[in-house]
Amino acid sequence: MLQFQPPGFGQKIINTSLGLMVYYTQTNAPWLIAETEDLPPLVFLHNFGGGASAYEWSKVYPAFAPTHKVLAPDLIGWGESAHPVRDYQISDYLTTIAEFIRHTCRPPVTVVASSLTAGLIIRLAIAHPFLFQALFLVCPSGFDDFGQGVGRRLPLQLINTPMLDNLIYALGAENELAVRNFLQSFLFAKPERVSEEMVQAYLASAQQPNAKFAALAFLRGDLYFDLSLYIQQLTIPTVIFWGKEAQFTSVKLGQRLAKFNLSAIRDFHAIPDAGVLPHLETPEIIIGLLQRYLSPSSST
């Protein structure tokens, strides 16, 4: 959502096999745009769920604009990117994220990603390790880890019923009260941290034409998988951040996943008083931790 982007950031577009993908990067003062292409790329990827978009990372990535070429896309089916009418599958996101990286960067790249998208990035890094230099993942999960589905809260019969699925989406994601309640009750540890801007940004994304198709694919569980079956194969240096109060995917789940691959997963940070989106709820903490690893003097 361009109107919710921080100063100095604008919108650019690339074409993928599933349509146009919008992304946000340095386009105006105070950033020296002529020098941006020479900076190392830093890609920020948002979570799934009603109203999700690149806005999710907008409180964090300006801190890295002086030192990195920041790229924060709206994934296909979300935000202002294309919303093809289709039954979205895991392969759609593995393909289009890889296309995005190849179109916008000179690999290998450093990726910062959250939740189910972070889980997908682990799978992509296993399949195409040459694309990635380092991963910084917030609450990575396949939402069916160790065979325990955690995200589906409505019966499939309801979600798949014609017209009823429209009603579910309209009531659950397209009205201001529902969006505010979802952020306060499920995504944040401290409801008072949810600002009016956050509510409006999520609402604007949820109200995009055909936004329901990707959201309902997520709600149905079409994009879920068992991350524990993949994570052992990861070879890219990785750091994990996890909100201690995260619902659906608990910090204990994260610690259990991390133990599966102690050679690739270099650090695990539990963030106090934060939910599944610590980068939106307590961005200063995530900025500080990322700066520790991304400074020129450090190595992941």
Protein backbone atom coordinates (compact mmCIF):
# COMPACT_ATOMS: atom_id res chain seq x y z
CA MET A 1 0.00 0.00 0.00
CA LEU A 2 1.83 3.03 -1.31
CA GLN A 3 0.03 5.48 0.98
CA PHE A 4 1.31 3.61 4.02
CA GLN A 5 4.97 3.47 2.96
CA PRO A 6 7.64 5.44 4.84
CA PRO A 7 9.16 8.60 3.29
CA GLY A 8 11.69 7.97 0.54
CA PHE A 9 10.11 4.67 -0.55
CA GLY A 10 8.10 4.22 -3.72
CA GLN A 11 6.51 1.52 -5.81
CA LYS A 12 8.08 -0.47 -8.62
CA ILE A 13 6.68 -3.40 -10.60
CA ILE A 14 8.03 -6.58 -12.19
CA ASN A 15 6.24 -9.24 -14.18
CA THR A 16 6.04 -12.83 -12.90
CA SER A 17 4.48 -15.96 -14.38
CA LEU A 18 1.34 -15.22 -12.32
CA GLY A 19 1.11 -11.51 -13.06
CA LEU A 20 2.53 -8.20 -11.90
CA MET A 21 4.30 -8.05 -8.54
CA VAL A 22 4.51 -4.67 -6.84
CA TYR A 23 7.44 -3.95 -4.56
CA TYR A 24 8.71 -1.05 -2.49
CA THR A 25 12.24 0.30 -2.55
CA GLN A 26 14.21 3.53 -2.17
CA THR A 27 12.99 6.00 -4.83
CA ASN A 28 13.26 9.47 -3.30
CA ALA A 29 15.21 11.65 -0.89
CA PRO A 30 16.68 11.27 1.65
CA TRP A 31 18.16 8.16 0.00
CA LEU A 32 20.86 8.48 -2.66
CA ILE A 33 19.08 6.57 -5.40
CA ALA A 34 22.03 6.58 -7.81
CA GLU A 35 24.01 4.54 -5.32
CA THR A 36 21.25 2.05 -4.47
CA GLU A 37 22.18 -0.43 -7.21
CA ASP A 38 25.64 -0.82 -5.73
CA LEU A 39 24.30 -1.73 -2.29
CA PRO A 40 23.78 -5.35 -1.18
CA PRO A 41 20.13 -6.42 -1.64
CA LEU A 42 17.96 -7.02 1.41
CA VAL A 43 14.57 -8.61 0.68
CA PHE A 44 11.67 -8.38 3.17
CA LEU A 45 8.79 -10.86 2.71
CA HIS A 46 5.47 -10.57 4.53
CA ASN A 47 3.28 -13.18 6.18
CA PHE A 48 -0.01 -14.57 4.81
CA GLY A 49 -3.46 -13.86 6.25
CA GLY A 50 -6.27 -11.40 5.57
CA GLY A 51 -4.91 -7.95 4.80
CA ALA A 52 -1.25 -8.96 4.65
CA SER A 53 1.13 -6.87 2.53
CA ALA A 54 4.63 -5.41 2.50
CA TYR A 55 3.35 -2.85 5.03
CA GLU A 56 4.11 -5.50 7.65
CA TRP A 57 7.84 -4.67 7.37
CA SER A 58 7.53 -0.91 6.85
CA LYS A 59 8.58 -0.03 10.41
CA VAL A 60 11.82 -1.98 10.02
CA TYR A 61 13.28 -1.63 6.56
CA PRO A 62 13.88 2.17 6.50
CA ALA A 63 16.63 1.54 9.06
CA PHE A 64 18.56 -0.37 6.38
CA ALA A 65 18.04 2.05 3.48
CA PRO A 66 21.46 3.75 3.93
CA THR A 67 23.35 0.44 3.71
CA HIS A 68 21.22 -1.91 1.56
CA LYS A 69 19.05 -1.97 -1.52
CA VAL A 70 15.73 -2.63 0.22
CA LEU A 71 13.11 -4.68 -1.65
CA ALA A 72 9.75 -5.34 -0.01
CA PRO A 73 7.20 -6.96 -2.35
CA ASP A 74 3.50 -7.57 -2.01
CA LEU A 75 3.34 -11.29 -2.79
CA ILE A 76 1.05 -12.46 -5.59
CA GLY A 77 -2.53 -12.45 -4.32
CA TRP A 78 -1.79 -9.84 -1.63
CA GLY A 79 -1.47 -6.07 -1.30
CA GLU A 80 -1.33 -4.25 -4.63
CA SER A 81 0.20 -7.12 -6.61
CA ALA A 82 -1.85 -9.17 -9.08
CA HIS A 83 -4.72 -11.21 -7.62
CA PRO A 84 -5.27 -14.00 -10.16
CA VAL A 85 -8.47 -15.96 -9.59
CA ARG A 86 -7.08 -19.41 -8.84
CA ASP A 87 -6.70 -22.09 -6.20
CA TYR A 88 -3.35 -20.97 -4.82
CA GLN A 89 -0.75 -23.65 -4.15
CA ILE A 90 2.64 -23.75 -2.44
CA SER A 91 4.34 -23.99 -5.84
CA ASP A 92 2.83 -20.63 -6.85
CA TYR A 93 4.79 -18.88 -4.12
CA LEU A 94 8.01 -20.86 -4.48
CA THR A 95 7.99 -19.96 -8.18
CA THR A 96 7.06 -16.29 -7.96
CA ILE A 97 9.39 -15.50 -5.04
CA ALA A 98 12.29 -17.06 -6.96
CA GLU A 99 11.27 -15.04 -10.05
CA PHE A 100 11.17 -11.87 -7.95
CA ILE A 101 14.69 -12.42 -6.62
CA ARG A 102 16.09 -13.15 -10.08
CA HIS A 103 14.34 -10.12 -11.62
CA THR A 104 15.39 -7.58 -9.00
CA CYS A 105 18.69 -8.76 -7.51
CA ARG A 106 22.08 -10.19 -8.24
CA PRO A 107 22.05 -13.34 -6.08
CA PRO A 108 22.95 -14.41 -3.53
CA VAL A 109 20.62 -12.25 -1.44
CA THR A 110 19.81 -11.82 2.22
CA VAL A 111 16.13 -12.44 2.98
CA VAL A 112 14.06 -11.40 5.99
CA ALA A 113 10.71 -13.23 6.11
CA SER A 114 7.93 -14.10 8.53
CA SER A 115 5.68 -17.01 9.50
CA LEU A 116 4.44 -19.27 6.68
CA THR A 117 6.41 -17.26 4.10
CA ALA A 118 9.54 -17.84 6.19
CA GLY A 119 8.79 -21.57 6.08
CA LEU A 120 8.46 -21.38 2.29
CA ILE A 121 11.79 -19.54 2.08
CA ILE A 122 13.45 -22.46 3.87
CA ARG A 123 12.08 -24.78 1.19
CA LEU A 124 13.22 -22.42 -1.56
CA ALA A 125 16.69 -22.13 -0.04
CA ILE A 126 16.97 -25.93 0.00
CA ALA A 127 15.94 -26.17 -3.66
CA HIS A 128 17.97 -23.15 -4.87
CA PRO A 129 20.74 -22.46 -2.35
CA PHE A 130 22.67 -20.29 -4.83
CA LEU A 131 19.94 -17.62 -4.53
CA PHE A 132 20.57 -16.98 -0.83
CA GLN A 133 23.39 -15.62 1.31
CA ALA A 134 21.64 -15.51 4.69
CA LEU A 135 18.14 -15.88 6.15
CA PHE A 136 16.56 -13.97 9.04
CA LEU A 137 13.24 -15.60 9.83
CA VAL A 138 10.45 -14.55 12.19
CA CYS A 139 8.34 -17.45 13.52
CA PRO A 140 9.00 -19.72 10.51
CA SER A 141 6.38 -22.45 10.24
CA GLY A 142 4.62 -24.66 7.74
CA PHE A 143 1.47 -24.47 9.91
CA ASP A 144 1.32 -28.28 9.91
CA ASP A 145 4.61 -28.90 11.67
CA PHE A 146 5.04 -32.35 13.21
CA GLY A 147 1.61 -33.14 11.73
CA GLN A 148 -0.17 -30.70 14.04
CA GLY A 149 -2.25 -28.24 12.02
CA VAL A 150 -2.40 -24.93 13.87
CA GLY A 151 -3.92 -22.32 11.57
CA ARG A 152 -7.33 -23.55 10.44
CA ARG A 153 -10.09 -22.26 12.69
CA LEU A 154 -13.13 -22.86 10.47
CA PRO A 155 -14.49 -26.15 9.06
CA LEU A 156 -13.54 -26.74 5.42
CA GLN A 157 -17.17 -27.33 4.53
CA LEU A 158 -17.96 -23.75 5.54
CA ILE A 159 -14.96 -22.21 3.78
CA ASN A 160 -15.69 -24.08 0.53
CA THR A 161 -19.43 -23.36 0.40
CA PRO A 162 -20.22 -21.00 -2.53
CA MET A 163 -21.25 -17.50 -1.39
CA LEU A 164 -20.62 -18.50 2.21
CA ASP A 165 -16.88 -18.15 1.54
CA ASN A 166 -17.57 -14.57 0.39
CA LEU A 167 -19.43 -13.89 3.61
CA ILE A 168 -16.65 -15.39 5.74
CA TYR A 169 -14.07 -13.18 4.03
CA ALA A 170 -16.25 -10.06 4.20
CA LEU A 171 -16.98 -10.53 7.90
CA GLY A 172 -13.49 -11.66 8.84
CA ALA A 173 -11.19 -9.44 6.78
CA GLU A 174 -13.03 -6.68 4.93
CA ASN A 175 -14.44 -4.64 7.80
CA GLU A 176 -12.57 -2.40 10.19
CA LEU A 177 -13.84 -3.95 13.41
CA ALA A 178 -12.79 -7.47 12.38
CA VAL A 179 -9.35 -6.30 11.23
CA ARG A 180 -8.70 -4.44 14.48
CA ASN A 181 -9.89 -7.41 16.54
CA PHE A 182 -7.70 -9.84 14.59
CA LEU A 183 -4.59 -7.70 15.07
CA GLN A 184 -5.27 -7.06 18.76
CA SER A 185 -6.46 -10.53 19.77
CA PHE A 186 -4.36 -12.86 17.63
CA LEU A 187 -1.30 -11.16 16.13
CA PHE A 188 -0.12 -8.78 18.87
CA ALA A 189 0.79 -9.55 22.47
CA LYS A 190 -0.21 -6.04 23.60
CA PRO A 191 -3.45 -4.87 21.93
CA GLU A 192 -2.72 -1.22 22.73
CA ARG A 193 0.18 -1.33 20.26
CA VAL A 194 -2.21 -1.69 17.31
CA SER A 195 -2.41 1.76 15.68
CA GLU A 196 -5.11 3.20 13.46
CA GLU A 197 -2.61 3.24 10.59
CA MET A 198 -2.05 -0.50 10.96
CA VAL A 199 -5.77 -1.20 10.86
CA GLN A 200 -6.23 0.96 7.75
CA ALA A 201 -3.25 -0.62 5.97
CA TYR A 202 -4.54 -4.16 6.58
CA LEU A 203 -8.06 -3.10 5.59
CA ALA A 204 -6.86 -1.50 2.34
CA SER A 205 -5.02 -4.69 1.39
CA ALA A 206 -7.96 -6.94 2.32
CA GLN A 207 -10.33 -4.86 0.18
CA GLN A 208 -8.35 -5.23 -3.05
CA PRO A 209 -10.35 -6.89 -5.87
CA ASN A 210 -10.13 -10.71 -5.68
CA ALA A 211 -8.10 -10.56 -2.46
CA LYS A 212 -10.24 -13.33 -1.01
CA PHE A 213 -8.74 -16.07 -3.19
CA ALA A 214 -5.26 -16.10 -1.64
CA ALA A 215 -6.67 -15.50 1.84
CA LEU A 216 -9.13 -18.40 1.60
CA ALA A 217 -6.41 -20.72 0.23
CA PHE A 218 -4.45 -19.91 3.38
CA LEU A 219 -7.50 -20.34 5.61
CA ARG A 220 -8.37 -23.70 4.03
CA GLY A 221 -4.85 -24.96 4.69
CA ASP A 222 -3.97 -25.38 1.00
CA LEU A 223 -0.58 -23.77 1.68
CA TYR A 224 0.27 -25.69 4.86
CA PHE A 225 3.06 -28.25 5.11
CA ASP A 226 5.26 -29.91 7.72
CA LEU A 227 8.40 -27.79 8.00
CA SER A 228 10.09 -30.40 10.19
CA LEU A 229 10.38 -32.62 7.09
CA TYR A 230 12.49 -29.98 5.31
CA ILE A 231 14.41 -27.94 7.84
CA GLN A 232 17.18 -30.51 8.32
CA GLN A 233 18.21 -30.02 4.69
CA LEU A 234 18.80 -26.26 5.06
CA THR A 235 22.43 -25.19 4.48
CA ILE A 236 22.10 -21.37 4.31
CA PRO A 237 23.19 -19.52 7.51
CA THR A 238 19.98 -18.68 9.35
CA VAL A 239 18.90 -16.69 12.43
CA ILE A 240 15.42 -17.11 13.90
CA PHE A 241 13.39 -14.54 15.86
CA TRP A 242 10.24 -15.64 17.70
CA GLY A 243 7.68 -13.62 19.62
CA LYS A 244 7.33 -15.27 23.04
CA GLU A 245 3.57 -14.66 23.04
CA ALA A 246 2.99 -15.86 19.46
CA GLN A 247 -0.32 -17.66 19.03
CA PHE A 248 -0.87 -20.59 16.65
CA THR A 249 2.89 -21.21 16.45
CA SER A 250 4.39 -21.22 19.94
CA VAL A 251 7.97 -20.41 20.86
CA LYS A 252 8.34 -24.06 21.96
CA LEU A 253 7.51 -25.13 18.42
CA GLY A 254 10.21 -22.78 17.14
CA GLN A 255 12.81 -24.13 19.54
CA ARG A 256 11.92 -27.68 18.54
CA LEU A 257 12.30 -26.86 14.84
CA ALA A 258 15.61 -25.05 15.41
CA LYS A 259 17.11 -28.09 17.13
CA PHE A 260 16.62 -30.06 13.92
CA ASN A 261 19.45 -28.13 12.26
CA LEU A 262 21.96 -26.56 14.61
CA SER A 263 24.59 -26.24 11.87
CA ALA A 264 22.55 -23.88 9.64
CA ILE A 265 20.49 -22.18 12.36
CA ARG A 266 23.14 -20.06 14.09
CA ASP A 267 20.96 -18.23 16.64
CA PHE A 268 17.45 -18.27 18.07
CA HIS A 269 16.06 -15.16 19.77
CA ALA A 270 12.82 -15.24 21.77
CA ILE A 271 11.35 -11.71 21.82
CA PRO A 272 9.60 -10.88 25.13
CA ASP A 273 6.12 -9.29 25.12
CA ALA A 274 5.62 -9.82 21.38
CA GLY A 275 3.32 -11.94 19.26
CA VAL A 276 3.77 -13.42 15.81
CA LEU A 277 4.65 -10.01 14.27
CA PRO A 278 7.38 -8.59 16.53
CA HIS A 279 8.66 -6.55 13.57
CA LEU A 280 5.36 -4.62 13.54
CA GLU A 281 4.70 -4.72 17.28
CA THR A 282 8.21 -3.96 18.56
CA PRO A 283 10.14 -2.92 15.42
CA GLU A 284 12.98 -1.32 17.38
CA ILE A 285 13.90 -4.73 18.82
CA ILE A 286 13.99 -6.43 15.42
CA ILE A 287 15.95 -3.51 13.93
CA GLY A 288 18.54 -3.77 16.70
CA LEU A 289 18.92 -7.53 16.30
CA LEU A 290 19.16 -7.33 12.50
CA GLN A 291 21.74 -4.55 12.71
CA ARG A 292 23.88 -6.77 14.90
CA TYR A 293 24.08 -9.35 12.13
CA LEU A 294 24.03 -7.10 9.07
CA SER A 295 26.73 -4.66 10.12
CA PRO A 296 29.88 -4.94 7.94
CA SER A 297 31.97 -6.12 10.88
CA SER A 298 29.74 -9.12 11.69
CA SER A 299 29.29 -12.47 9.99
CA THR A 300 26.13 -14.58 10.27
